[in-house]
Amino acid sequence: MSDDGTLIGHALLSQAAVVGPTHEWPVFVLAPLAVHPDWQGQGVGSALLTYLAVQAGEDARRAIAILGDPGYYGRFGYQPARDFGVTAPFAVPDANLMLKAIVPGGLTGVSGTLRYDPAFGL
């Protein structure tokens, strides 16, 4: 919110998991991240991403997954999910599904398919 109480940005983490053949790892999915057009380019999105990563690190989940622009999210430590052997449950360009560990070693040994919460209807 701005100083006058106007909503200028929003970001939401939802529970998800990476499901492999014999194991399941808890993660978050970041969706959506939105910044009011009048406030874009002023660091609001960056502040939201940083805040969420810090807050999420206090949970038992290991990482945050996102579908988005690798040029933008790569600046915040997100890496292609394919580098960790993680795939999306639907067709999406490999470069756009990204992960970021939020605890040390959070992506070590993780591989499988990202499973969204049933509320997403996927």
PDB file of N, CA and C in Angstrom:
ATOM      1  N   MET A   1       0.839  -1.182   0.000  1.00  0.00           N
ATOM      2  CA  MET A   1       0.000   0.000   0.000  1.00  0.00           C
ATOM      3  C   MET A   1       0.884   1.245   0.000  1.00  0.00           C
ATOM      4  N   SER A   2       0.353   2.254  -0.634  1.00  0.00           N
ATOM      5  CA  SER A   2       1.060   3.529  -0.614  1.00  0.00           C
ATOM      6  C   SER A   2       0.786   4.224   0.709  1.00  0.00           C
ATOM      7  N   ASP A   3       1.433   5.352   0.921  1.00  0.00           N
ATOM      8  CA  ASP A   3       1.240   6.097   2.164  1.00  0.00           C
ATOM      9  C   ASP A   3      -0.204   6.555   2.360  1.00  0.00           C
ATOM     10  N   ASP A   4      -0.931   6.730   1.245  1.00  0.00           N
ATOM     11  CA  ASP A   4      -2.323   7.173   1.370  1.00  0.00           C
ATOM     12  C   ASP A   4      -3.322   6.015   1.431  1.00  0.00           C
ATOM     13  N   GLY A   5      -2.812   4.762   1.524  1.00  0.00           N
ATOM     14  CA  GLY A   5      -3.675   3.596   1.660  1.00  0.00           C
ATOM     15  C   GLY A   5      -4.101   2.955   0.353  1.00  0.00           C
ATOM     16  N   THR A   6      -3.599   3.450  -0.776  1.00  0.00           N
ATOM     17  CA  THR A   6      -3.930   2.881  -2.073  1.00  0.00           C
ATOM     18  C   THR A   6      -3.174   1.564  -2.269  1.00  0.00           C
ATOM     19  N   LEU A   7      -3.896   0.550  -2.713  1.00  0.00           N
ATOM     20  CA  LEU A   7      -3.266  -0.733  -3.006  1.00  0.00           C
ATOM     21  C   LEU A   7      -2.436  -0.590  -4.273  1.00  0.00           C
ATOM     22  N   ILE A   8      -1.125  -0.839  -4.161  1.00  0.00           N
ATOM     23  CA  ILE A   8      -0.243  -0.664  -5.320  1.00  0.00           C
ATOM     24  C   ILE A   8       0.378  -1.970  -5.803  1.00  0.00           C
ATOM     25  N   GLY A   9       0.258  -3.021  -5.012  1.00  0.00           N
ATOM     26  CA  GLY A   9       0.812  -4.300  -5.431  1.00  0.00           C
ATOM     27  C   GLY A   9       0.251  -5.435  -4.608  1.00  0.00           C
ATOM     28  N   HIS A  10       0.367  -6.634  -5.178  1.00  0.00           N
ATOM     29  CA  HIS A  10      -0.156  -7.817  -4.517  1.00  0.00           C
ATOM     30  C   HIS A  10       0.662  -9.018  -4.966  1.00  0.00           C
ATOM     31  N   ALA A  11       0.925  -9.917  -4.032  1.00  0.00           N
ATOM     32  CA  ALA A  11       1.596 -11.180  -4.355  1.00  0.00           C
ATOM     33  C   ALA A  11       1.037 -12.245  -3.421  1.00  0.00           C
ATOM     34  N   LEU A  12       0.937 -13.469  -3.928  1.00  0.00           N
ATOM     35  CA  LEU A  12       0.347 -14.540  -3.154  1.00  0.00           C
ATOM     36  C   LEU A  12       1.150 -15.823  -3.320  1.00  0.00           C
ATOM     37  N   LEU A  13       1.446 -16.468  -2.210  1.00  0.00           N
ATOM     38  CA  LEU A  13       2.064 -17.794  -2.226  1.00  0.00           C
ATOM     39  C   LEU A  13       0.994 -18.826  -1.887  1.00  0.00           C
ATOM     40  N   SER A  14       0.939 -19.885  -2.672  1.00  0.00           N
ATOM     41  CA  SER A  14       0.019 -20.985  -2.416  1.00  0.00           C
ATOM     42  C   SER A  14       0.813 -22.256  -2.193  1.00  0.00           C
ATOM     43  N   GLN A  15       0.265 -23.147  -1.377  1.00  0.00           N
ATOM     44  CA  GLN A  15       0.922 -24.422  -1.128  1.00  0.00           C
ATOM     45  C   GLN A  15       0.877 -25.284  -2.386  1.00  0.00           C
ATOM     46  N   ALA A  16       1.966 -26.001  -2.611  1.00  0.00           N
ATOM     47  CA  ALA A  16       2.097 -26.908  -3.747  1.00  0.00           C
ATOM     48  C   ALA A  16       3.092 -27.987  -3.337  1.00  0.00           C
ATOM     49  N   ALA A  17       3.425 -28.845  -4.275  1.00  0.00           N
ATOM     50  CA  ALA A  17       4.413 -29.894  -4.003  1.00  0.00           C
ATOM     51  C   ALA A  17       5.066 -30.302  -5.306  1.00  0.00           C
ATOM     52  N   VAL A  18       6.276 -30.803  -5.186  1.00  0.00           N
ATOM     53  CA  VAL A  18       6.925 -31.492  -6.293  1.00  0.00           C
ATOM     54  C   VAL A  18       6.783 -32.973  -5.973  1.00  0.00           C
ATOM     55  N   VAL A  19       6.161 -33.693  -6.893  1.00  0.00           N
ATOM     56  CA  VAL A  19       5.851 -35.094  -6.668  1.00  0.00           C
ATOM     57  C   VAL A  19       6.712 -35.966  -7.570  1.00  0.00           C
ATOM     58  N   GLY A  20       7.539 -36.794  -6.941  1.00  0.00           N
ATOM     59  CA  GLY A  20       8.361 -37.750  -7.662  1.00  0.00           C
ATOM     60  C   GLY A  20       7.784 -39.143  -7.522  1.00  0.00           C
ATOM     61  N   PRO A  21       8.466 -40.147  -8.074  1.00  0.00           N
ATOM     62  CA  PRO A  21       7.937 -41.510  -8.026  1.00  0.00           C
ATOM     63  C   PRO A  21       7.806 -42.073  -6.611  1.00  0.00           C
ATOM     64  N   THR A  22       8.675 -41.636  -5.701  1.00  0.00           N
ATOM     65  CA  THR A  22       8.641 -42.213  -4.347  1.00  0.00           C
ATOM     66  C   THR A  22       8.599 -41.174  -3.239  1.00  0.00           C
ATOM     67  N   HIS A  23       8.610 -39.886  -3.602  1.00  0.00           N
ATOM     68  CA  HIS A  23       8.675 -38.862  -2.568  1.00  0.00           C
ATOM     69  C   HIS A  23       7.939 -37.612  -3.028  1.00  0.00           C
ATOM     70  N   GLU A  24       7.537 -36.804  -2.054  1.00  0.00           N
ATOM     71  CA  GLU A  24       6.866 -35.537  -2.313  1.00  0.00           C
ATOM     72  C   GLU A  24       7.547 -34.457  -1.478  1.00  0.00           C
ATOM     73  N   TRP A  25       7.862 -33.326  -2.123  1.00  0.00           N
ATOM     74  CA  TRP A  25       8.532 -32.226  -1.434  1.00  0.00           C
ATOM     75  C   TRP A  25       7.599 -31.020  -1.398  1.00  0.00           C
ATOM     76  N   PRO A  26       7.353 -30.442  -0.229  1.00  0.00           N
ATOM     77  CA  PRO A  26       6.479 -29.272  -0.143  1.00  0.00           C
ATOM     78  C   PRO A  26       7.177 -28.019  -0.664  1.00  0.00           C
ATOM     79  N   VAL A  27       6.468 -27.271  -1.485  1.00  0.00           N
ATOM     80  CA  VAL A  27       6.960 -26.010  -2.037  1.00  0.00           C
ATOM     81  C   VAL A  27       5.802 -25.012  -2.038  1.00  0.00           C
ATOM     82  N   PHE A  28       6.112 -23.803  -2.424  1.00  0.00           N
ATOM     83  CA  PHE A  28       5.095 -22.787  -2.677  1.00  0.00           C
ATOM     84  C   PHE A  28       5.038 -22.504  -4.175  1.00  0.00           C
ATOM     85  N   VAL A  29       3.921 -21.973  -4.622  1.00  0.00           N
ATOM     86  CA  VAL A  29       3.784 -21.419  -5.967  1.00  0.00           C
ATOM     87  C   VAL A  29       3.462 -19.943  -5.792  1.00  0.00           C
ATOM     88  N   LEU A  30       4.188 -19.105  -6.505  1.00  0.00           N
ATOM     89  CA  LEU A  30       3.930 -17.662  -6.476  1.00  0.00           C
ATOM     90  C   LEU A  30       3.002 -17.321  -7.633  1.00  0.00           C
ATOM     91  N   ALA A  31       1.798 -16.918  -7.310  1.00  0.00           N
ATOM     92  CA  ALA A  31       0.840 -16.507  -8.332  1.00  0.00           C
ATOM     93  C   ALA A  31      -0.358 -15.885  -7.629  1.00  0.00           C
ATOM     94  N   PRO A  32      -0.708 -14.707  -7.931  1.00  0.00           N
ATOM     95  CA  PRO A  32      -0.077 -13.807  -8.885  1.00  0.00           C
ATOM     96  C   PRO A  32       0.910 -12.855  -8.201  1.00  0.00           C
ATOM     97  N   LEU A  33       1.653 -12.163  -9.013  1.00  0.00           N
ATOM     98  CA  LEU A  33       2.427 -10.999  -8.592  1.00  0.00           C
ATOM     99  C   LEU A  33       1.943  -9.875  -9.496  1.00  0.00           C
ATOM    100  N   ALA A  34       1.383  -8.853  -8.909  1.00  0.00           N
ATOM    101  CA  ALA A  34       0.833  -7.750  -9.690  1.00  0.00           C
ATOM    102  C   ALA A  34       1.203  -6.424  -9.048  1.00  0.00           C
ATOM    103  N   VAL A  35       1.531  -5.467  -9.882  1.00  0.00           N
ATOM    104  CA  VAL A  35       1.835  -4.109  -9.422  1.00  0.00           C
ATOM    105  C   VAL A  35       1.019  -3.137 -10.277  1.00  0.00           C
ATOM    106  N   HIS A  36       0.359  -2.200  -9.608  1.00  0.00           N
ATOM    107  CA  HIS A  36      -0.423  -1.183 -10.313  1.00  0.00           C
ATOM    108  C   HIS A  36       0.473  -0.507 -11.353  1.00  0.00           C
ATOM    109  N   PRO A  37      -0.044  -0.286 -12.567  1.00  0.00           N
ATOM    110  CA  PRO A  37       0.785   0.314 -13.625  1.00  0.00           C
ATOM    111  C   PRO A  37       1.471   1.622 -13.237  1.00  0.00           C
ATOM    112  N   ASP A  38       0.818   2.447 -12.427  1.00  0.00           N
ATOM    113  CA  ASP A  38       1.429   3.715 -12.016  1.00  0.00           C
ATOM    114  C   ASP A  38       2.647   3.516 -11.118  1.00  0.00           C
ATOM    115  N   TRP A  39       2.787   2.313 -10.555  1.00  0.00           N
ATOM    116  CA  TRP A  39       3.876   2.040  -9.623  1.00  0.00           C
ATOM    117  C   TRP A  39       4.928   1.084 -10.194  1.00  0.00           C
ATOM    118  N   GLN A  40       4.726   0.599 -11.396  1.00  0.00           N
ATOM    119  CA  GLN A  40       5.699  -0.319 -11.991  1.00  0.00           C
ATOM    120  C   GLN A  40       7.014   0.405 -12.259  1.00  0.00           C
ATOM    121  N   GLY A  41       8.101  -0.348 -12.136  1.00  0.00           N
ATOM    122  CA  GLY A  41       9.429   0.221 -12.360  1.00  0.00           C
ATOM    123  C   GLY A  41       9.967   1.004 -11.181  1.00  0.00           C
ATOM    124  N   GLN A  42       9.283   0.923 -10.031  1.00  0.00           N
ATOM    125  CA  GLN A  42       9.705   1.667  -8.852  1.00  0.00           C
ATOM    126  C   GLN A  42      10.130   0.756  -7.700  1.00  0.00           C
ATOM    127  N   GLY A  43      10.306  -0.529  -7.987  1.00  0.00           N
ATOM    128  CA  GLY A  43      10.801  -1.451  -6.967  1.00  0.00           C
ATOM    129  C   GLY A  43       9.730  -2.147  -6.144  1.00  0.00           C
ATOM    130  N   VAL A  44       8.456  -1.941  -6.461  1.00  0.00           N
ATOM    131  CA  VAL A  44       7.388  -2.563  -5.684  1.00  0.00           C
ATOM    132  C   VAL A  44       7.411  -4.080  -5.863  1.00  0.00           C
ATOM    133  N   GLY A  45       7.511  -4.545  -7.110  1.00  0.00           N
ATOM    134  CA  GLY A  45       7.574  -5.986  -7.368  1.00  0.00           C
ATOM    135  C   GLY A  45       8.783  -6.614  -6.704  1.00  0.00           C
ATOM    136  N   SER A  46       9.915  -5.946  -6.787  1.00  0.00           N
ATOM    137  CA  SER A  46      11.138  -6.445  -6.139  1.00  0.00           C
ATOM    138  C   SER A  46      10.951  -6.563  -4.631  1.00  0.00           C
ATOM    139  N   ALA A  47      10.332  -5.558  -4.034  1.00  0.00           N
ATOM    140  CA  ALA A  47      10.101  -5.581  -2.586  1.00  0.00           C
ATOM    141  C   ALA A  47       9.160  -6.718  -2.208  1.00  0.00           C
ATOM    142  N   LEU A  48       8.115  -6.936  -3.004  1.00  0.00           N
ATOM    143  CA  LEU A  48       7.188  -8.029  -2.723  1.00  0.00           C
ATOM    144  C   LEU A  48       7.885  -9.385  -2.817  1.00  0.00           C
ATOM    145  N   LEU A  49       8.687  -9.581  -3.860  1.00  0.00           N
ATOM    146  CA  LEU A  49       9.412 -10.849  -4.021  1.00  0.00           C
ATOM    147  C   LEU A  49      10.369 -11.097  -2.868  1.00  0.00           C
ATOM    148  N   THR A  50      11.090 -10.079  -2.470  1.00  0.00           N
ATOM    149  CA  THR A  50      12.048 -10.215  -1.373  1.00  0.00           C
ATOM    150  C   THR A  50      11.325 -10.530  -0.064  1.00  0.00           C
ATOM    151  N   TYR A  51      10.266  -9.811   0.207  1.00  0.00           N
ATOM    152  CA  TYR A  51       9.494 -10.031   1.431  1.00  0.00           C
ATOM    153  C   TYR A  51       8.938 -11.454   1.475  1.00  0.00           C
ATOM    154  N   LEU A  52       8.344 -11.917   0.382  1.00  0.00           N
ATOM    155  CA  LEU A  52       7.761 -13.255   0.359  1.00  0.00           C
ATOM    156  C   LEU A  52       8.813 -14.336   0.566  1.00  0.00           C
ATOM    157  N   ALA A  53       9.977 -14.179  -0.039  1.00  0.00           N
ATOM    158  CA  ALA A  53      11.030 -15.184   0.116  1.00  0.00           C
ATOM    159  C   ALA A  53      11.483 -15.275   1.569  1.00  0.00           C
ATOM    160  N   VAL A  54      11.600 -14.149   2.234  1.00  0.00           N
ATOM    161  CA  VAL A  54      12.003 -14.149   3.646  1.00  0.00           C
ATOM    162  C   VAL A  54      10.917 -14.794   4.502  1.00  0.00           C
ATOM    163  N   GLN A  55       9.678 -14.384   4.307  1.00  0.00           N
ATOM    164  CA  GLN A  55       8.573 -14.936   5.089  1.00  0.00           C
ATOM    165  C   GLN A  55       8.388 -16.426   4.811  1.00  0.00           C
ATOM    166  N   ALA A  56       8.509 -16.828   3.558  1.00  0.00           N
ATOM    167  CA  ALA A  56       8.317 -18.233   3.190  1.00  0.00           C
ATOM    168  C   ALA A  56       9.404 -19.119   3.778  1.00  0.00           C
ATOM    169  N   GLY A  57      10.581 -18.574   3.982  1.00  0.00           N
ATOM    170  CA  GLY A  57      11.681 -19.338   4.553  1.00  0.00           C
ATOM    171  C   GLY A  57      11.434 -19.778   5.979  1.00  0.00           C
ATOM    172  N   GLU A  58      10.410 -19.220   6.618  1.00  0.00           N
ATOM    173  CA  GLU A  58      10.060 -19.612   7.980  1.00  0.00           C
ATOM    174  C   GLU A  58       9.108 -20.800   8.005  1.00  0.00           C
ATOM    175  N   ASP A  59       8.681 -21.267   6.846  1.00  0.00           N
ATOM    176  CA  ASP A  59       7.767 -22.395   6.715  1.00  0.00           C
ATOM    177  C   ASP A  59       8.584 -23.656   6.445  1.00  0.00           C
ATOM    178  N   ALA A  60       7.940 -24.806   6.476  1.00  0.00           N
ATOM    179  CA  ALA A  60       8.633 -26.070   6.214  1.00  0.00           C
ATOM    180  C   ALA A  60       8.803 -26.326   4.721  1.00  0.00           C
ATOM    181  N   ARG A  61       8.308 -25.440   3.886  1.00  0.00           N
ATOM    182  CA  ARG A  61       8.420 -25.637   2.436  1.00  0.00           C
ATOM    183  C   ARG A  61       9.828 -25.307   1.976  1.00  0.00           C
ATOM    184  N   ARG A  62      10.238 -25.934   0.901  1.00  0.00           N
ATOM    185  CA  ARG A  62      11.632 -25.900   0.479  1.00  0.00           C
ATOM    186  C   ARG A  62      11.961 -24.841  -0.557  1.00  0.00           C
ATOM    187  N   ALA A  63      10.964 -24.448  -1.358  1.00  0.00           N
ATOM    188  CA  ALA A  63      11.253 -23.583  -2.501  1.00  0.00           C
ATOM    189  C   ALA A  63       9.988 -22.856  -2.925  1.00  0.00           C
ATOM    190  N   ILE A  64      10.184 -21.900  -3.827  1.00  0.00           N
ATOM    191  CA  ILE A  64       9.074 -21.203  -4.464  1.00  0.00           C
ATOM    192  C   ILE A  64       9.176 -21.478  -5.957  1.00  0.00           C
ATOM    193  N   ALA A  65       8.057 -21.857  -6.559  1.00  0.00           N
ATOM    194  CA  ALA A  65       7.975 -22.063  -8.001  1.00  0.00           C
ATOM    195  C   ALA A  65       7.189 -20.909  -8.613  1.00  0.00           C
ATOM    196  N   ILE A  66       7.537 -20.572  -9.847  1.00  0.00           N
ATOM    197  CA  ILE A  66       6.822 -19.507 -10.542  1.00  0.00           C
ATOM    198  C   ILE A  66       6.841 -19.773 -12.034  1.00  0.00           C
ATOM    199  N   LEU A  67       5.776 -19.369 -12.695  1.00  0.00           N
ATOM    200  CA  LEU A  67       5.726 -19.308 -14.151  1.00  0.00           C
ATOM    201  C   LEU A  67       5.883 -17.848 -14.515  1.00  0.00           C
ATOM    202  N   GLY A  68       6.924 -17.526 -15.245  1.00  0.00           N
ATOM    203  CA  GLY A  68       7.128 -16.119 -15.561  1.00  0.00           C
ATOM    204  C   GLY A  68       8.323 -15.887 -16.445  1.00  0.00           C
ATOM    205  N   ASP A  69       8.680 -14.628 -16.556  1.00  0.00           N
ATOM    206  CA  ASP A  69       9.776 -14.177 -17.413  1.00  0.00           C
ATOM    207  C   ASP A  69      11.119 -14.474 -16.751  1.00  0.00           C
ATOM    208  N   PRO A  70      11.939 -15.333 -17.378  1.00  0.00           N
ATOM    209  CA  PRO A  70      13.232 -15.661 -16.764  1.00  0.00           C
ATOM    210  C   PRO A  70      14.155 -14.453 -16.620  1.00  0.00           C
ATOM    211  N   GLY A  71      14.017 -13.479 -17.497  1.00  0.00           N
ATOM    212  CA  GLY A  71      14.844 -12.283 -17.378  1.00  0.00           C
ATOM    213  C   GLY A  71      14.535 -11.494 -16.124  1.00  0.00           C
ATOM    214  N   TYR A  72      13.262 -11.431 -15.759  1.00  0.00           N
ATOM    215  CA  TYR A  72      12.861 -10.703 -14.555  1.00  0.00           C
ATOM    216  C   TYR A  72      13.133 -11.526 -13.299  1.00  0.00           C
ATOM    217  N   TYR A  73      12.586 -12.724 -13.233  1.00  0.00           N
ATOM    218  CA  TYR A  73      12.690 -13.526 -12.012  1.00  0.00           C
ATOM    219  C   TYR A  73      14.093 -14.075 -11.785  1.00  0.00           C
ATOM    220  N   GLY A  74      14.870 -14.222 -12.837  1.00  0.00           N
ATOM    221  CA  GLY A  74      16.260 -14.660 -12.689  1.00  0.00           C
ATOM    222  C   GLY A  74      17.070 -13.692 -11.838  1.00  0.00           C
ATOM    223  N   ARG A  75      16.713 -12.426 -11.865  1.00  0.00           N
ATOM    224  CA  ARG A  75      17.414 -11.418 -11.048  1.00  0.00           C
ATOM    225  C   ARG A  75      17.258 -11.681  -9.556  1.00  0.00           C
ATOM    226  N   PHE A  76      16.246 -12.470  -9.188  1.00  0.00           N
ATOM    227  CA  PHE A  76      15.954 -12.738  -7.781  1.00  0.00           C
ATOM    228  C   PHE A  76      16.340 -14.160  -7.367  1.00  0.00           C
ATOM    229  N   GLY A  77      17.137 -14.811  -8.201  1.00  0.00           N
ATOM    230  CA  GLY A  77      17.631 -16.138  -7.849  1.00  0.00           C
ATOM    231  C   GLY A  77      16.796 -17.296  -8.346  1.00  0.00           C
ATOM    232  N   TYR A  78      15.752 -17.029  -9.107  1.00  0.00           N
ATOM    233  CA  TYR A  78      14.960 -18.117  -9.681  1.00  0.00           C
ATOM    234  C   TYR A  78      15.739 -18.743 -10.832  1.00  0.00           C
ATOM    235  N   GLN A  79      15.715 -20.064 -10.886  1.00  0.00           N
ATOM    236  CA  GLN A  79      16.433 -20.823 -11.902  1.00  0.00           C
ATOM    237  C   GLN A  79      15.455 -21.732 -12.633  1.00  0.00           C
ATOM    238  N   PRO A  80      15.784 -22.115 -13.872  1.00  0.00           N
ATOM    239  CA  PRO A  80      14.879 -23.015 -14.592  1.00  0.00           C
ATOM    240  C   PRO A  80      14.629 -24.298 -13.799  1.00  0.00           C
ATOM    241  N   ALA A  81      13.373 -24.671 -13.674  1.00  0.00           N
ATOM    242  CA  ALA A  81      12.999 -25.877 -12.934  1.00  0.00           C
ATOM    243  C   ALA A  81      13.609 -27.127 -13.565  1.00  0.00           C
ATOM    244  N   ARG A  82      13.789 -27.096 -14.892  1.00  0.00           N
ATOM    245  CA  ARG A  82      14.372 -28.259 -15.569  1.00  0.00           C
ATOM    246  C   ARG A  82      15.770 -28.569 -15.033  1.00  0.00           C
ATOM    247  N   ASP A  83      16.478 -27.552 -14.523  1.00  0.00           N
ATOM    248  CA  ASP A  83      17.814 -27.778 -13.950  1.00  0.00           C
ATOM    249  C   ASP A  83      17.757 -28.679 -12.721  1.00  0.00           C
ATOM    250  N   PHE A  84      16.577 -28.785 -12.129  1.00  0.00           N
ATOM    251  CA  PHE A  84      16.396 -29.604 -10.935  1.00  0.00           C
ATOM    252  C   PHE A  84      15.571 -30.854 -11.235  1.00  0.00           C
ATOM    253  N   GLY A  85      15.251 -31.058 -12.517  1.00  0.00           N
ATOM    254  CA  GLY A  85      14.441 -32.214 -12.878  1.00  0.00           C
ATOM    255  C   GLY A  85      12.980 -32.055 -12.519  1.00  0.00           C
ATOM    256  N   VAL A  86      12.512 -30.800 -12.472  1.00  0.00           N
ATOM    257  CA  VAL A  86      11.116 -30.528 -12.125  1.00  0.00           C
ATOM    258  C   VAL A  86      10.388 -30.046 -13.379  1.00  0.00           C
ATOM    259  N   THR A  87       9.205 -30.621 -13.609  1.00  0.00           N
ATOM    260  CA  THR A  87       8.396 -30.268 -14.766  1.00  0.00           C
ATOM    261  C   THR A  87       7.032 -29.742 -14.326  1.00  0.00           C
ATOM    262  N   ALA A  88       6.381 -29.045 -15.242  1.00  0.00           N
ATOM    263  CA  ALA A  88       5.033 -28.533 -14.992  1.00  0.00           C
ATOM    264  C   ALA A  88       4.015 -29.622 -15.305  1.00  0.00           C
ATOM    265  N   PRO A  89       2.823 -29.536 -14.726  1.00  0.00           N
ATOM    266  CA  PRO A  89       1.786 -30.524 -14.999  1.00  0.00           C
ATOM    267  C   PRO A  89       1.018 -30.249 -16.296  1.00  0.00           C
ATOM    268  N   PHE A  90       1.451 -29.243 -17.038  1.00  0.00           N
ATOM    269  CA  PHE A  90       0.816 -28.859 -18.300  1.00  0.00           C
ATOM    270  C   PHE A  90       1.903 -28.300 -19.209  1.00  0.00           C
ATOM    271  N   ALA A  91       1.570 -28.103 -20.475  1.00  0.00           N
ATOM    272  CA  ALA A  91       2.556 -27.613 -21.439  1.00  0.00           C
ATOM    273  C   ALA A  91       2.914 -26.157 -21.148  1.00  0.00           C
ATOM    274  N   VAL A  92       4.201 -25.928 -20.985  1.00  0.00           N
ATOM    275  CA  VAL A  92       4.725 -24.587 -20.734  1.00  0.00           C
ATOM    276  C   VAL A  92       6.176 -24.573 -21.209  1.00  0.00           C
ATOM    277  N   PRO A  93       6.643 -23.473 -21.793  1.00  0.00           N
ATOM    278  CA  PRO A  93       8.053 -23.418 -22.185  1.00  0.00           C
ATOM    279  C   PRO A  93       8.960 -23.665 -20.972  1.00  0.00           C
ATOM    280  N   ASP A  94       9.954 -24.526 -21.151  1.00  0.00           N
ATOM    281  CA  ASP A  94      10.868 -24.878 -20.054  1.00  0.00           C
ATOM    282  C   ASP A  94      11.448 -23.661 -19.350  1.00  0.00           C
ATOM    283  N   ALA A  95      11.791 -22.634 -20.111  1.00  0.00           N
ATOM    284  CA  ALA A  95      12.442 -21.469 -19.515  1.00  0.00           C
ATOM    285  C   ALA A  95      11.538 -20.705 -18.555  1.00  0.00           C
ATOM    286  N   ASN A  96      10.209 -20.874 -18.678  1.00  0.00           N
ATOM    287  CA  ASN A  96       9.292 -20.075 -17.872  1.00  0.00           C
ATOM    288  C   ASN A  96       8.904 -20.694 -16.538  1.00  0.00           C
ATOM    289  N   LEU A  97       9.158 -21.987 -16.350  1.00  0.00           N
ATOM    290  CA  LEU A  97       8.917 -22.601 -15.043  1.00  0.00           C
ATOM    291  C   LEU A  97      10.222 -22.527 -14.266  1.00  0.00           C
ATOM    292  N   MET A  98      10.193 -21.783 -13.163  1.00  0.00           N
ATOM    293  CA  MET A  98      11.414 -21.532 -12.396  1.00  0.00           C
ATOM    294  C   MET A  98      11.208 -21.856 -10.931  1.00  0.00           C
ATOM    295  N   LEU A  99      12.327 -22.117 -10.259  1.00  0.00           N
ATOM    296  CA  LEU A  99      12.327 -22.424  -8.824  1.00  0.00           C
ATOM    297  C   LEU A  99      13.388 -21.616  -8.117  1.00  0.00           C
ATOM    298  N   LYS A 100      13.132 -21.357  -6.853  1.00  0.00           N
ATOM    299  CA  LYS A 100      14.119 -20.719  -5.986  1.00  0.00           C
ATOM    300  C   LYS A 100      14.053 -21.396  -4.629  1.00  0.00           C
ATOM    301  N   ALA A 101      15.188 -21.919  -4.171  1.00  0.00           N
ATOM    302  CA  ALA A 101      15.245 -22.501  -2.823  1.00  0.00           C
ATOM    303  C   ALA A 101      15.078 -21.386  -1.800  1.00  0.00           C
ATOM    304  N   ILE A 102      14.325 -21.677  -0.739  1.00  0.00           N
ATOM    305  CA  ILE A 102      14.143 -20.673   0.320  1.00  0.00           C
ATOM    306  C   ILE A 102      14.736 -21.142   1.637  1.00  0.00           C
ATOM    307  N   VAL A 103      15.293 -22.333   1.627  1.00  0.00           N
ATOM    308  CA  VAL A 103      16.061 -22.839   2.763  1.00  0.00           C
ATOM    309  C   VAL A 103      17.335 -23.437   2.196  1.00  0.00           C
ATOM    310  N   PRO A 104      18.430 -23.446   2.946  1.00  0.00           N
ATOM    311  CA  PRO A 104      19.667 -24.025   2.437  1.00  0.00           C
ATOM    312  C   PRO A 104      19.456 -25.474   2.002  1.00  0.00           C
ATOM    313  N   GLY A 105      19.897 -25.776   0.785  1.00  0.00           N
ATOM    314  CA  GLY A 105      19.753 -27.127   0.244  1.00  0.00           C
ATOM    315  C   GLY A 105      18.327 -27.493  -0.099  1.00  0.00           C
ATOM    316  N   GLY A 106      17.454 -26.521  -0.191  1.00  0.00           N
ATOM    317  CA  GLY A 106      16.037 -26.770  -0.399  1.00  0.00           C
ATOM    318  C   GLY A 106      15.684 -27.518  -1.662  1.00  0.00           C
ATOM    319  N   LEU A 107      16.548 -27.470  -2.662  1.00  0.00           N
ATOM    320  CA  LEU A 107      16.259 -28.172  -3.905  1.00  0.00           C
ATOM    321  C   LEU A 107      17.150 -29.391  -4.119  1.00  0.00           C
ATOM    322  N   THR A 108      17.959 -29.724  -3.141  1.00  0.00           N
ATOM    323  CA  THR A 108      18.823 -30.898  -3.251  1.00  0.00           C
ATOM    324  C   THR A 108      17.970 -32.157  -3.302  1.00  0.00           C
ATOM    325  N   GLY A 109      18.146 -32.933  -4.343  1.00  0.00           N
ATOM    326  CA  GLY A 109      17.442 -34.196  -4.482  1.00  0.00           C
ATOM    327  C   GLY A 109      16.003 -34.088  -4.926  1.00  0.00           C
ATOM    328  N   VAL A 110      15.509 -32.869  -5.146  1.00  0.00           N
ATOM    329  CA  VAL A 110      14.118 -32.678  -5.558  1.00  0.00           C
ATOM    330  C   VAL A 110      14.002 -32.930  -7.063  1.00  0.00           C
ATOM    331  N   SER A 111      13.013 -33.719  -7.456  1.00  0.00           N
ATOM    332  CA  SER A 111      12.707 -33.904  -8.878  1.00  0.00           C
ATOM    333  C   SER A 111      11.310 -34.486  -9.001  1.00  0.00           C
ATOM    334  N   GLY A 112      10.655 -34.193 -10.096  1.00  0.00           N
ATOM    335  CA  GLY A 112       9.310 -34.701 -10.325  1.00  0.00           C
ATOM    336  C   GLY A 112       8.452 -33.650 -10.986  1.00  0.00           C
ATOM    337  N   THR A 113       7.164 -33.755 -10.789  1.00  0.00           N
ATOM    338  CA  THR A 113       6.194 -32.850 -11.401  1.00  0.00           C
ATOM    339  C   THR A 113       5.621 -31.912 -10.340  1.00  0.00           C
ATOM    340  N   LEU A 114       5.541 -30.644 -10.680  1.00  0.00           N
ATOM    341  CA  LEU A 114       4.938 -29.665  -9.783  1.00  0.00           C
ATOM    342  C   LEU A 114       3.441 -29.944  -9.698  1.00  0.00           C
ATOM    343  N   ARG A 115       2.922 -30.058  -8.480  1.00  0.00           N
ATOM    344  CA  ARG A 115       1.494 -30.283  -8.276  1.00  0.00           C
ATOM    345  C   ARG A 115       0.926 -29.074  -7.544  1.00  0.00           C
ATOM    346  N   TYR A 116       0.030 -28.402  -8.217  1.00  0.00           N
ATOM    347  CA  TYR A 116      -0.630 -27.238  -7.648  1.00  0.00           C
ATOM    348  C   TYR A 116      -1.716 -27.685  -6.664  1.00  0.00           C
ATOM    349  N   ASP A 117      -2.094 -26.794  -5.759  1.00  0.00           N
ATOM    350  CA  ASP A 117      -3.208 -27.050  -4.866  1.00  0.00           C
ATOM    351  C   ASP A 117      -4.470 -27.280  -5.705  1.00  0.00           C
ATOM    352  N   PRO A 118      -5.374 -28.155  -5.261  1.00  0.00           N
ATOM    353  CA  PRO A 118      -6.609 -28.406  -6.020  1.00  0.00           C
ATOM    354  C   PRO A 118      -7.436 -27.146  -6.302  1.00  0.00           C
ATOM    355  N   ALA A 119      -7.289 -26.115  -5.496  1.00  0.00           N
ATOM    356  CA  ALA A 119      -8.033 -24.875  -5.728  1.00  0.00           C
ATOM    357  C   ALA A 119      -7.722 -24.246  -7.082  1.00  0.00           C
ATOM    358  N   PHE A 120      -6.560 -24.569  -7.663  1.00  0.00           N
ATOM    359  CA  PHE A 120      -6.195 -24.040  -8.976  1.00  0.00           C
ATOM    360  C   PHE A 120      -6.993 -24.711 -10.089  1.00  0.00           C
ATOM    361  N   GLY A 121      -7.592 -25.854  -9.815  1.00  0.00           N
ATOM    362  CA  GLY A 121      -8.397 -26.534 -10.824  1.00  0.00           C
ATOM    363  C   GLY A 121      -7.606 -27.122 -11.962  1.00  0.00           C
ATOM    364  N   LEU A 122      -6.365 -27.487 -11.713  1.00  0.00           N
ATOM    365  CA  LEU A 122      -5.526 -28.054 -12.775  1.00  0.00           C
ATOM    366  C   LEU A 122      -5.516 -29.564 -12.726  1.00  0.00           C
TER     367      LEU A 122
END
